[in-house]
Amino acid sequence: VKEDYVEKMEEVEKDRKALMGNTDL
């Protein structure tokens, strides 16, 4: 379960970085 949550956290962090860098997105 921890591995699943770590994967989800990495995905969310990646999306967050993409969103914060692009105002249109």
mmCIF file of all heavy atoms, coordinates in Angstrom:
data_MODEL
# 
_entry.id   MODEL 
# 
loop_
_atom_site.group_PDB 
_atom_site.id 
_atom_site.type_symbol 
_atom_site.label_atom_id 
_atom_site.label_alt_id 
_atom_site.label_comp_id 
_atom_site.label_asym_id 
_atom_site.label_entity_id 
_atom_site.label_seq_id 
_atom_site.pdbx_PDB_ins_code 
_atom_site.Cartn_x 
_atom_site.Cartn_y 
_atom_site.Cartn_z 
_atom_site.occupancy 
_atom_site.B_iso_or_equiv 
_atom_site.pdbx_formal_charge 
_atom_site.auth_seq_id 
_atom_site.auth_comp_id 
_atom_site.auth_asym_id 
_atom_site.auth_atom_id 
_atom_site.pdbx_PDB_model_num 
ATOM 1   N N   . VAL A 1 1  ? 0.838  -1.197 0.000   1.00 0.00 ? 1  VAL A N   1 
ATOM 2   C CA  . VAL A 1 1  ? 0.000  0.000  0.000   1.00 0.00 ? 1  VAL A CA  1 
ATOM 3   C C   . VAL A 1 1  ? 0.875  1.249  0.000   1.00 0.00 ? 1  VAL A C   1 
ATOM 4   O O   . VAL A 1 1  ? 0.591  2.229  -0.702  1.00 0.00 ? 1  VAL A O   1 
ATOM 5   C CB  . VAL A 1 1  ? -0.960 -0.006 1.217   1.00 0.00 ? 1  VAL A CB  1 
ATOM 6   C CG1 . VAL A 1 1  ? -1.653 1.315  1.380   1.00 0.00 ? 1  VAL A CG1 1 
ATOM 7   C CG2 . VAL A 1 1  ? -1.961 -1.132 1.085   1.00 0.00 ? 1  VAL A CG2 1 
ATOM 8   N N   . LYS A 1 2  ? 1.962  1.207  0.756   1.00 0.00 ? 2  LYS A N   1 
ATOM 9   C CA  . LYS A 1 2  ? 2.891  2.339  0.800   1.00 0.00 ? 2  LYS A CA  1 
ATOM 10  C C   . LYS A 1 2  ? 3.477  2.606  -0.578  1.00 0.00 ? 2  LYS A C   1 
ATOM 11  O O   . LYS A 1 2  ? 3.571  3.765  -0.997  1.00 0.00 ? 2  LYS A O   1 
ATOM 12  C CB  . LYS A 1 2  ? 4.014  2.057  1.803   1.00 0.00 ? 2  LYS A CB  1 
ATOM 13  C CG  . LYS A 1 2  ? 5.040  3.161  1.869   1.00 0.00 ? 2  LYS A CG  1 
ATOM 14  C CD  . LYS A 1 2  ? 6.192  2.786  2.758   1.00 0.00 ? 2  LYS A CD  1 
ATOM 15  C CE  . LYS A 1 2  ? 7.293  3.828  2.658   1.00 0.00 ? 2  LYS A CE  1 
ATOM 16  N NZ  . LYS A 1 2  ? 8.484  3.428  3.374   1.00 0.00 ? 2  LYS A NZ  1 
ATOM 17  N N   . GLU A 1 3  ? 3.853  1.545  -1.292  1.00 0.00 ? 3  GLU A N   1 
ATOM 18  C CA  . GLU A 1 3  ? 4.390  1.713  -2.641  1.00 0.00 ? 3  GLU A CA  1 
ATOM 19  C C   . GLU A 1 3  ? 3.370  2.386  -3.564  1.00 0.00 ? 3  GLU A C   1 
ATOM 20  O O   . GLU A 1 3  ? 3.726  3.253  -4.365  1.00 0.00 ? 3  GLU A O   1 
ATOM 21  C CB  . GLU A 1 3  ? 4.813  0.363  -3.215  1.00 0.00 ? 3  GLU A CB  1 
ATOM 22  C CG  . GLU A 1 3  ? 6.038  -0.226 -2.568  1.00 0.00 ? 3  GLU A CG  1 
ATOM 23  C CD  . GLU A 1 3  ? 6.368  -1.612 -3.089  1.00 0.00 ? 3  GLU A CD  1 
ATOM 24  O OE1 . GLU A 1 3  ? 5.756  -2.026 -4.100  1.00 0.00 ? 3  GLU A OE1 1 
ATOM 25  O OE2 . GLU A 1 3  ? 7.227  -2.261 -2.496  1.00 0.00 ? 3  GLU A OE2 1 
ATOM 26  N N   . ASP A 1 4  ? 2.105  1.993  -3.443  1.00 0.00 ? 4  ASP A N   1 
ATOM 27  C CA  . ASP A 1 4  ? 1.055  2.614  -4.254  1.00 0.00 ? 4  ASP A CA  1 
ATOM 28  C C   . ASP A 1 4  ? 0.940  4.103  -3.952  1.00 0.00 ? 4  ASP A C   1 
ATOM 29  O O   . ASP A 1 4  ? 0.828  4.928  -4.866  1.00 0.00 ? 4  ASP A O   1 
ATOM 30  C CB  . ASP A 1 4  ? -0.290 1.933  -4.014  1.00 0.00 ? 4  ASP A CB  1 
ATOM 31  C CG  . ASP A 1 4  ? -0.327 0.508  -4.540  1.00 0.00 ? 4  ASP A CG  1 
ATOM 32  O OD1 . ASP A 1 4  ? 0.511  0.171  -5.412  1.00 0.00 ? 4  ASP A OD1 1 
ATOM 33  O OD2 . ASP A 1 4  ? -1.195 -0.264 -4.088  1.00 0.00 ? 4  ASP A OD2 1 
ATOM 34  N N   . TYR A 1 5  ? 0.963  4.440  -2.671  1.00 0.00 ? 5  TYR A N   1 
ATOM 35  C CA  . TYR A 1 5  ? 0.857  5.846  -2.290  1.00 0.00 ? 5  TYR A CA  1 
ATOM 36  C C   . TYR A 1 5  ? 2.073  6.648  -2.743  1.00 0.00 ? 5  TYR A C   1 
ATOM 37  O O   . TYR A 1 5  ? 1.942  7.798  -3.155  1.00 0.00 ? 5  TYR A O   1 
ATOM 38  C CB  . TYR A 1 5  ? 0.658  6.001  -0.782  1.00 0.00 ? 5  TYR A CB  1 
ATOM 39  C CG  . TYR A 1 5  ? -0.761 5.741  -0.344  1.00 0.00 ? 5  TYR A CG  1 
ATOM 40  C CD1 . TYR A 1 5  ? -1.056 4.744  0.579   1.00 0.00 ? 5  TYR A CD1 1 
ATOM 41  C CD2 . TYR A 1 5  ? -1.814 6.485  -0.850  1.00 0.00 ? 5  TYR A CD2 1 
ATOM 42  C CE1 . TYR A 1 5  ? -2.355 4.506  0.973   1.00 0.00 ? 5  TYR A CE1 1 
ATOM 43  C CE2 . TYR A 1 5  ? -3.117 6.245  -0.464  1.00 0.00 ? 5  TYR A CE2 1 
ATOM 44  C CZ  . TYR A 1 5  ? -3.381 5.252  0.452   1.00 0.00 ? 5  TYR A CZ  1 
ATOM 45  O OH  . TYR A 1 5  ? -4.665 5.015  0.837   1.00 0.00 ? 5  TYR A OH  1 
ATOM 46  N N   . VAL A 1 6  ? 3.245  6.046  -2.675  1.00 0.00 ? 6  VAL A N   1 
ATOM 47  C CA  . VAL A 1 6  ? 4.454  6.747  -3.128  1.00 0.00 ? 6  VAL A CA  1 
ATOM 48  C C   . VAL A 1 6  ? 4.364  7.015  -4.627  1.00 0.00 ? 6  VAL A C   1 
ATOM 49  O O   . VAL A 1 6  ? 4.707  8.110  -5.082  1.00 0.00 ? 6  VAL A O   1 
ATOM 50  C CB  . VAL A 1 6  ? 5.718  5.928  -2.771  1.00 0.00 ? 6  VAL A CB  1 
ATOM 51  C CG1 . VAL A 1 6  ? 6.944  6.465  -3.479  1.00 0.00 ? 6  VAL A CG1 1 
ATOM 52  C CG2 . VAL A 1 6  ? 5.933  5.931  -1.264  1.00 0.00 ? 6  VAL A CG2 1 
ATOM 53  N N   . GLU A 1 7  ? 3.875  6.045  -5.402  1.00 0.00 ? 7  GLU A N   1 
ATOM 54  C CA  . GLU A 1 7  ? 3.703  6.245  -6.844  1.00 0.00 ? 7  GLU A CA  1 
ATOM 55  C C   . GLU A 1 7  ? 2.705  7.365  -7.121  1.00 0.00 ? 7  GLU A C   1 
ATOM 56  O O   . GLU A 1 7  ? 2.929  8.207  -7.995  1.00 0.00 ? 7  GLU A O   1 
ATOM 57  C CB  . GLU A 1 7  ? 3.244  4.951  -7.507  1.00 0.00 ? 7  GLU A CB  1 
ATOM 58  C CG  . GLU A 1 7  ? 4.302  3.880  -7.565  1.00 0.00 ? 7  GLU A CG  1 
ATOM 59  C CD  . GLU A 1 7  ? 3.776  2.565  -8.108  1.00 0.00 ? 7  GLU A CD  1 
ATOM 60  O OE1 . GLU A 1 7  ? 2.586  2.522  -8.531  1.00 0.00 ? 7  GLU A OE1 1 
ATOM 61  O OE2 . GLU A 1 7  ? 4.531  1.586  -8.099  1.00 0.00 ? 7  GLU A OE2 1 
ATOM 62  N N   . LYS A 1 8  ? 1.597  7.375  -6.375  1.00 0.00 ? 8  LYS A N   1 
ATOM 63  C CA  . LYS A 1 8  ? 0.600  8.434  -6.559  1.00 0.00 ? 8  LYS A CA  1 
ATOM 64  C C   . LYS A 1 8  ? 1.175  9.796  -6.187  1.00 0.00 ? 8  LYS A C   1 
ATOM 65  O O   . LYS A 1 8  ? 0.897  10.795 -6.859  1.00 0.00 ? 8  LYS A O   1 
ATOM 66  C CB  . LYS A 1 8  ? -0.648 8.136  -5.720  1.00 0.00 ? 8  LYS A CB  1 
ATOM 67  C CG  . LYS A 1 8  ? -1.468 6.996  -6.262  1.00 0.00 ? 8  LYS A CG  1 
ATOM 68  C CD  . LYS A 1 8  ? -2.667 6.717  -5.386  1.00 0.00 ? 8  LYS A CD  1 
ATOM 69  C CE  . LYS A 1 8  ? -3.428 5.499  -5.872  1.00 0.00 ? 8  LYS A CE  1 
ATOM 70  N NZ  . LYS A 1 8  ? -4.567 5.169  -5.015  1.00 0.00 ? 8  LYS A NZ  1 
ATOM 71  N N   . MET A 1 9  ? 1.974  9.835  -5.127  1.00 0.00 ? 9  MET A N   1 
ATOM 72  C CA  . MET A 1 9  ? 2.586  11.105 -4.720  1.00 0.00 ? 9  MET A CA  1 
ATOM 73  C C   . MET A 1 9  ? 3.540  11.620 -5.793  1.00 0.00 ? 9  MET A C   1 
ATOM 74  O O   . MET A 1 9  ? 3.568  12.820 -6.087  1.00 0.00 ? 9  MET A O   1 
ATOM 75  C CB  . MET A 1 9  ? 3.332  10.936 -3.392  1.00 0.00 ? 9  MET A CB  1 
ATOM 76  C CG  . MET A 1 9  ? 2.423  10.839 -2.195  1.00 0.00 ? 9  MET A CG  1 
ATOM 77  S SD  . MET A 1 9  ? 3.250  10.428 -0.650  1.00 0.00 ? 9  MET A SD  1 
ATOM 78  C CE  . MET A 1 9  ? 4.656  11.471 -0.636  1.00 0.00 ? 9  MET A CE  1 
ATOM 79  N N   . GLU A 1 10 ? 4.310  10.716 -6.392  1.00 0.00 ? 10 GLU A N   1 
ATOM 80  C CA  . GLU A 1 10 ? 5.232  11.125 -7.451  1.00 0.00 ? 10 GLU A CA  1 
ATOM 81  C C   . GLU A 1 10 ? 4.462  11.658 -8.661  1.00 0.00 ? 10 GLU A C   1 
ATOM 82  O O   . GLU A 1 10 ? 4.854  12.655 -9.266  1.00 0.00 ? 10 GLU A O   1 
ATOM 83  C CB  . GLU A 1 10 ? 6.116  9.944  -7.860  1.00 0.00 ? 10 GLU A CB  1 
ATOM 84  C CG  . GLU A 1 10 ? 7.134  9.564  -6.812  1.00 0.00 ? 10 GLU A CG  1 
ATOM 85  C CD  . GLU A 1 10 ? 7.855  8.268  -7.129  1.00 0.00 ? 10 GLU A CD  1 
ATOM 86  O OE1 . GLU A 1 10 ? 7.504  7.616  -8.155  1.00 0.00 ? 10 GLU A OE1 1 
ATOM 87  O OE2 . GLU A 1 10 ? 8.765  7.907  -6.365  1.00 0.00 ? 10 GLU A OE2 1 
ATOM 88  N N   . GLU A 1 11 ? 3.356  11.003 -8.995  1.00 0.00 ? 11 GLU A N   1 
ATOM 89  C CA  . GLU A 1 11 ? 2.536  11.454 -10.114 1.00 0.00 ? 11 GLU A CA  1 
ATOM 90  C C   . GLU A 1 11 ? 1.932  12.831 -9.841  1.00 0.00 ? 11 GLU A C   1 
ATOM 91  O O   . GLU A 1 11 ? 1.947  13.711 -10.701 1.00 0.00 ? 11 GLU A O   1 
ATOM 92  C CB  . GLU A 1 11 ? 1.424  10.437 -10.382 1.00 0.00 ? 11 GLU A CB  1 
ATOM 93  C CG  . GLU A 1 11 ? 0.541  10.782 -11.553 1.00 0.00 ? 11 GLU A CG  1 
ATOM 94  C CD  . GLU A 1 11 ? -0.548 9.752  -11.756 1.00 0.00 ? 11 GLU A CD  1 
ATOM 95  O OE1 . GLU A 1 11 ? -0.303 8.557  -11.508 1.00 0.00 ? 11 GLU A OE1 1 
ATOM 96  O OE2 . GLU A 1 11 ? -1.644 10.162 -12.167 1.00 0.00 ? 11 GLU A OE2 1 
ATOM 97  N N   . VAL A 1 12 ? 1.439  13.021 -8.629  1.00 0.00 ? 12 VAL A N   1 
ATOM 98  C CA  . VAL A 1 12 ? 0.851  14.310 -8.261  1.00 0.00 ? 12 VAL A CA  1 
ATOM 99  C C   . VAL A 1 12 ? 1.921  15.408 -8.264  1.00 0.00 ? 12 VAL A C   1 
ATOM 100 O O   . VAL A 1 12 ? 1.675  16.529 -8.731  1.00 0.00 ? 12 VAL A O   1 
ATOM 101 C CB  . VAL A 1 12 ? 0.157  14.210 -6.882  1.00 0.00 ? 12 VAL A CB  1 
ATOM 102 C CG1 . VAL A 1 12 ? -0.175 15.579 -6.332  1.00 0.00 ? 12 VAL A CG1 1 
ATOM 103 C CG2 . VAL A 1 12 ? -1.091 13.364 -6.990  1.00 0.00 ? 12 VAL A CG2 1 
ATOM 104 N N   . GLU A 1 13 ? 3.100  15.093 -7.782  1.00 0.00 ? 13 GLU A N   1 
ATOM 105 C CA  . GLU A 1 13 ? 4.193  16.072 -7.764  1.00 0.00 ? 13 GLU A CA  1 
ATOM 106 C C   . GLU A 1 13 ? 4.593  16.453 -9.194  1.00 0.00 ? 13 GLU A C   1 
ATOM 107 O O   . GLU A 1 13 ? 4.841  17.624 -9.492  1.00 0.00 ? 13 GLU A O   1 
ATOM 108 C CB  . GLU A 1 13 ? 5.395  15.511 -7.007  1.00 0.00 ? 13 GLU A CB  1 
ATOM 109 C CG  . GLU A 1 13 ? 6.512  16.502 -6.808  1.00 0.00 ? 13 GLU A CG  1 
ATOM 110 C CD  . GLU A 1 13 ? 6.146  17.683 -5.936  1.00 0.00 ? 13 GLU A CD  1 
ATOM 111 O OE1 . GLU A 1 13 ? 5.264  17.547 -5.077  1.00 0.00 ? 13 GLU A OE1 1 
ATOM 112 O OE2 . GLU A 1 13 ? 6.750  18.752 -6.136  1.00 0.00 ? 13 GLU A OE2 1 
ATOM 113 N N   . LYS A 1 14 ? 4.625  15.469 -10.079 1.00 0.00 ? 14 LYS A N   1 
ATOM 114 C CA  . LYS A 1 14 ? 4.950  15.732 -11.480 1.00 0.00 ? 14 LYS A CA  1 
ATOM 115 C C   . LYS A 1 14 ? 3.885  16.637 -12.108 1.00 0.00 ? 14 LYS A C   1 
ATOM 116 O O   . LYS A 1 14 ? 4.206  17.617 -12.789 1.00 0.00 ? 14 LYS A O   1 
ATOM 117 C CB  . LYS A 1 14 ? 5.057  14.418 -12.252 1.00 0.00 ? 14 LYS A CB  1 
ATOM 118 C CG  . LYS A 1 14 ? 5.476  14.584 -13.695 1.00 0.00 ? 14 LYS A CG  1 
ATOM 119 C CD  . LYS A 1 14 ? 5.480  13.260 -14.413 1.00 0.00 ? 14 LYS A CD  1 
ATOM 120 C CE  . LYS A 1 14 ? 4.040  12.959 -14.736 1.00 0.00 ? 14 LYS A CE  1 
ATOM 121 N NZ  . LYS A 1 14 ? 3.799  11.859 -15.620 1.00 0.00 ? 14 LYS A NZ  1 
ATOM 122 N N   . ASP A 1 15 ? 2.609  16.325 -11.854 1.00 0.00 ? 15 ASP A N   1 
ATOM 123 C CA  . ASP A 1 15 ? 1.515  17.159 -12.374 1.00 0.00 ? 15 ASP A CA  1 
ATOM 124 C C   . ASP A 1 15 ? 1.570  18.563 -11.792 1.00 0.00 ? 15 ASP A C   1 
ATOM 125 O O   . ASP A 1 15 ? 1.318  19.549 -12.497 1.00 0.00 ? 15 ASP A O   1 
ATOM 126 C CB  . ASP A 1 15 ? 0.158  16.527 -12.054 1.00 0.00 ? 15 ASP A CB  1 
ATOM 127 C CG  . ASP A 1 15 ? -0.096 15.258 -12.850 1.00 0.00 ? 15 ASP A CG  1 
ATOM 128 O OD1 . ASP A 1 15 ? 0.619  15.032 -13.854 1.00 0.00 ? 15 ASP A OD1 1 
ATOM 129 O OD2 . ASP A 1 15 ? -0.999 14.489 -12.459 1.00 0.00 ? 15 ASP A OD2 1 
ATOM 130 N N   . ARG A 1 16 ? 1.890  18.656 -10.529 1.00 0.00 ? 16 ARG A N   1 
ATOM 131 C CA  . ARG A 1 16 ? 1.975  19.966 -9.868  1.00 0.00 ? 16 ARG A CA  1 
ATOM 132 C C   . ARG A 1 16 ? 3.062  20.827 -10.504 1.00 0.00 ? 16 ARG A C   1 
ATOM 133 O O   . ARG A 1 16 ? 2.856  22.010 -10.772 1.00 0.00 ? 16 ARG A O   1 
ATOM 134 C CB  . ARG A 1 16 ? 2.256  19.777 -8.377  1.00 0.00 ? 16 ARG A CB  1 
ATOM 135 C CG  . ARG A 1 16 ? 2.305  21.051 -7.577  1.00 0.00 ? 16 ARG A CG  1 
ATOM 136 C CD  . ARG A 1 16 ? 2.632  20.712 -6.116  1.00 0.00 ? 16 ARG A CD  1 
ATOM 137 N NE  . ARG A 1 16 ? 3.210  21.802 -5.417  1.00 0.00 ? 16 ARG A NE  1 
ATOM 138 C CZ  . ARG A 1 16 ? 4.459  22.249 -5.520  1.00 0.00 ? 16 ARG A CZ  1 
ATOM 139 N NH1 . ARG A 1 16 ? 5.282  21.678 -6.353  1.00 0.00 ? 16 ARG A NH1 1 
ATOM 140 N NH2 . ARG A 1 16 ? 4.883  23.258 -4.815  1.00 0.00 ? 16 ARG A NH2 1 
ATOM 141 N N   . LYS A 1 17 ? 4.209  20.224 -10.738 1.00 0.00 ? 17 LYS A N   1 
ATOM 142 C CA  . LYS A 1 17 ? 5.295  20.977 -11.357 1.00 0.00 ? 17 LYS A CA  1 
ATOM 143 C C   . LYS A 1 17 ? 4.912  21.422 -12.762 1.00 0.00 ? 17 LYS A C   1 
ATOM 144 O O   . LYS A 1 17 ? 5.225  22.544 -13.176 1.00 0.00 ? 17 LYS A O   1 
ATOM 145 C CB  . LYS A 1 17 ? 6.578  20.139 -11.400 1.00 0.00 ? 17 LYS A CB  1 
ATOM 146 C CG  . LYS A 1 17 ? 7.242  20.012 -10.061 1.00 0.00 ? 17 LYS A CG  1 
ATOM 147 C CD  . LYS A 1 17 ? 8.510  19.186 -10.139 1.00 0.00 ? 17 LYS A CD  1 
ATOM 148 C CE  . LYS A 1 17 ? 9.133  19.051 -8.751  1.00 0.00 ? 17 LYS A CE  1 
ATOM 149 N NZ  . LYS A 1 17 ? 10.349 18.236 -8.784  1.00 0.00 ? 17 LYS A NZ  1 
ATOM 150 N N   . ALA A 1 18 ? 4.224  20.549 -13.512 1.00 0.00 ? 18 ALA A N   1 
ATOM 151 C CA  . ALA A 1 18 ? 3.789  20.911 -14.868 1.00 0.00 ? 18 ALA A CA  1 
ATOM 152 C C   . ALA A 1 18 ? 2.765  22.034 -14.827 1.00 0.00 ? 18 ALA A C   1 
ATOM 153 O O   . ALA A 1 18 ? 2.804  22.956 -15.653 1.00 0.00 ? 18 ALA A O   1 
ATOM 154 C CB  . ALA A 1 18 ? 3.216  19.686 -15.568 1.00 0.00 ? 18 ALA A CB  1 
ATOM 155 N N   . LEU A 1 19 ? 1.850  21.983 -13.862 1.00 0.00 ? 19 LEU A N   1 
ATOM 156 C CA  . LEU A 1 19 ? 0.809  23.011 -13.766 1.00 0.00 ? 19 LEU A CA  1 
ATOM 157 C C   . LEU A 1 19 ? 1.378  24.360 -13.348 1.00 0.00 ? 19 LEU A C   1 
ATOM 158 O O   . LEU A 1 19 ? 0.966  25.402 -13.857 1.00 0.00 ? 19 LEU A O   1 
ATOM 159 C CB  . LEU A 1 19 ? -0.270 22.589 -12.766 1.00 0.00 ? 19 LEU A CB  1 
ATOM 160 C CG  . LEU A 1 19 ? -1.249 21.539 -13.241 1.00 0.00 ? 19 LEU A CG  1 
ATOM 161 C CD1 . LEU A 1 19 ? -2.152 21.124 -12.093 1.00 0.00 ? 19 LEU A CD1 1 
ATOM 162 C CD2 . LEU A 1 19 ? -2.074 22.038 -14.402 1.00 0.00 ? 19 LEU A CD2 1 
ATOM 163 N N   . MET A 1 20 ? 2.288  24.346 -12.411 1.00 0.00 ? 20 MET A N   1 
ATOM 164 C CA  . MET A 1 20 ? 2.831  25.609 -11.920 1.00 0.00 ? 20 MET A CA  1 
ATOM 165 C C   . MET A 1 20 ? 3.730  26.296 -12.949 1.00 0.00 ? 20 MET A C   1 
ATOM 166 O O   . MET A 1 20 ? 3.951  27.498 -12.880 1.00 0.00 ? 20 MET A O   1 
ATOM 167 C CB  . MET A 1 20 ? 3.609  25.390 -10.615 1.00 0.00 ? 20 MET A CB  1 
ATOM 168 C CG  . MET A 1 20 ? 2.741  24.957 -9.476  1.00 0.00 ? 20 MET A CG  1 
ATOM 169 S SD  . MET A 1 20 ? 1.459  26.176 -9.159  1.00 0.00 ? 20 MET A SD  1 
ATOM 170 C CE  . MET A 1 20 ? 0.249  25.190 -8.355  1.00 0.00 ? 20 MET A CE  1 
ATOM 171 N N   . GLY A 1 21 ? 4.213  25.552 -13.923 1.00 0.00 ? 21 GLY A N   1 
ATOM 172 C CA  . GLY A 1 21 ? 5.080  26.135 -14.929 1.00 0.00 ? 21 GLY A CA  1 
ATOM 173 C C   . GLY A 1 21 ? 4.330  26.649 -16.140 1.00 0.00 ? 21 GLY A C   1 
ATOM 174 O O   . GLY A 1 21 ? 4.885  27.399 -16.945 1.00 0.00 ? 21 GLY A O   1 
ATOM 175 N N   . ASN A 1 22 ? 3.071  26.293 -16.310 1.00 0.00 ? 22 ASN A N   1 
ATOM 176 C CA  . ASN A 1 22 ? 2.316  26.649 -17.501 1.00 0.00 ? 22 ASN A CA  1 
ATOM 177 C C   . ASN A 1 22 ? 0.966  27.225 -17.092 1.00 0.00 ? 22 ASN A C   1 
ATOM 178 O O   . ASN A 1 22 ? 0.106  26.516 -16.581 1.00 0.00 ? 22 ASN A O   1 
ATOM 179 C CB  . ASN A 1 22 ? 2.135  25.406 -18.378 1.00 0.00 ? 22 ASN A CB  1 
ATOM 180 C CG  . ASN A 1 22 ? 1.540  25.717 -19.721 1.00 0.00 ? 22 ASN A CG  1 
ATOM 181 O OD1 . ASN A 1 22 ? 1.027  26.796 -19.955 1.00 0.00 ? 22 ASN A OD1 1 
ATOM 182 N ND2 . ASN A 1 22 ? 1.617  24.738 -20.618 1.00 0.00 ? 22 ASN A ND2 1 
ATOM 183 N N   . THR A 1 23 ? 0.745  28.523 -17.336 1.00 0.00 ? 23 THR A N   1 
ATOM 184 C CA  . THR A 1 23 ? -0.507 29.170 -16.904 1.00 0.00 ? 23 THR A CA  1 
ATOM 185 C C   . THR A 1 23 ? -1.706 28.688 -17.707 1.00 0.00 ? 23 THR A C   1 
ATOM 186 O O   . THR A 1 23 ? -2.812 28.594 -17.170 1.00 0.00 ? 23 THR A O   1 
ATOM 187 C CB  . THR A 1 23 ? -0.390 30.704 -17.010 1.00 0.00 ? 23 THR A CB  1 
ATOM 188 O OG1 . THR A 1 23 ? -0.033 31.048 -18.349 1.00 0.00 ? 23 THR A OG1 1 
ATOM 189 C CG2 . THR A 1 23 ? 0.650  31.223 -16.047 1.00 0.00 ? 23 THR A CG2 1 
ATOM 190 N N   . ASP A 1 24 ? -1.511 28.370 -18.997 1.00 0.00 ? 24 ASP A N   1 
ATOM 191 C CA  . ASP A 1 24 ? -2.633 27.866 -19.799 1.00 0.00 ? 24 ASP A CA  1 
ATOM 192 C C   . ASP A 1 24 ? -3.104 26.510 -19.279 1.00 0.00 ? 24 ASP A C   1 
ATOM 193 O O   . ASP A 1 24 ? -4.305 26.249 -19.183 1.00 0.00 ? 24 ASP A O   1 
ATOM 194 C CB  . ASP A 1 24 ? -2.225 27.740 -21.270 1.00 0.00 ? 24 ASP A CB  1 
ATOM 195 C CG  . ASP A 1 24 ? -1.955 29.090 -21.914 1.00 0.00 ? 24 ASP A CG  1 
ATOM 196 O OD1 . ASP A 1 24 ? -2.556 30.092 -21.443 1.00 0.00 ? 24 ASP A OD1 1 
ATOM 197 O OD2 . ASP A 1 24 ? -1.157 29.145 -22.861 1.00 0.00 ? 24 ASP A OD2 1 
ATOM 198 N N   . LEU A 1 25 ? -2.160 25.662 -18.939 1.00 0.00 ? 25 LEU A N   1 
ATOM 199 C CA  . LEU A 1 25 ? -2.493 24.349 -18.392 1.00 0.00 ? 25 LEU A CA  1 
ATOM 200 C C   . LEU A 1 25 ? -3.142 24.481 -17.016 1.00 0.00 ? 25 LEU A C   1 
ATOM 201 O O   . LEU A 1 25 ? -4.074 23.739 -16.697 1.00 0.00 ? 25 LEU A O   1 
ATOM 202 C CB  . LEU A 1 25 ? -1.228 23.497 -18.304 1.00 0.00 ? 25 LEU A CB  1 
ATOM 203 C CG  . LEU A 1 25 ? -1.398 22.004 -18.109 1.00 0.00 ? 25 LEU A CG  1 
ATOM 204 C CD1 . LEU A 1 25 ? -2.222 21.410 -19.236 1.00 0.00 ? 25 LEU A CD1 1 
ATOM 205 C CD2 . LEU A 1 25 ? -0.046 21.323 -18.048 1.00 0.00 ? 25 LEU A CD2 1 
# 
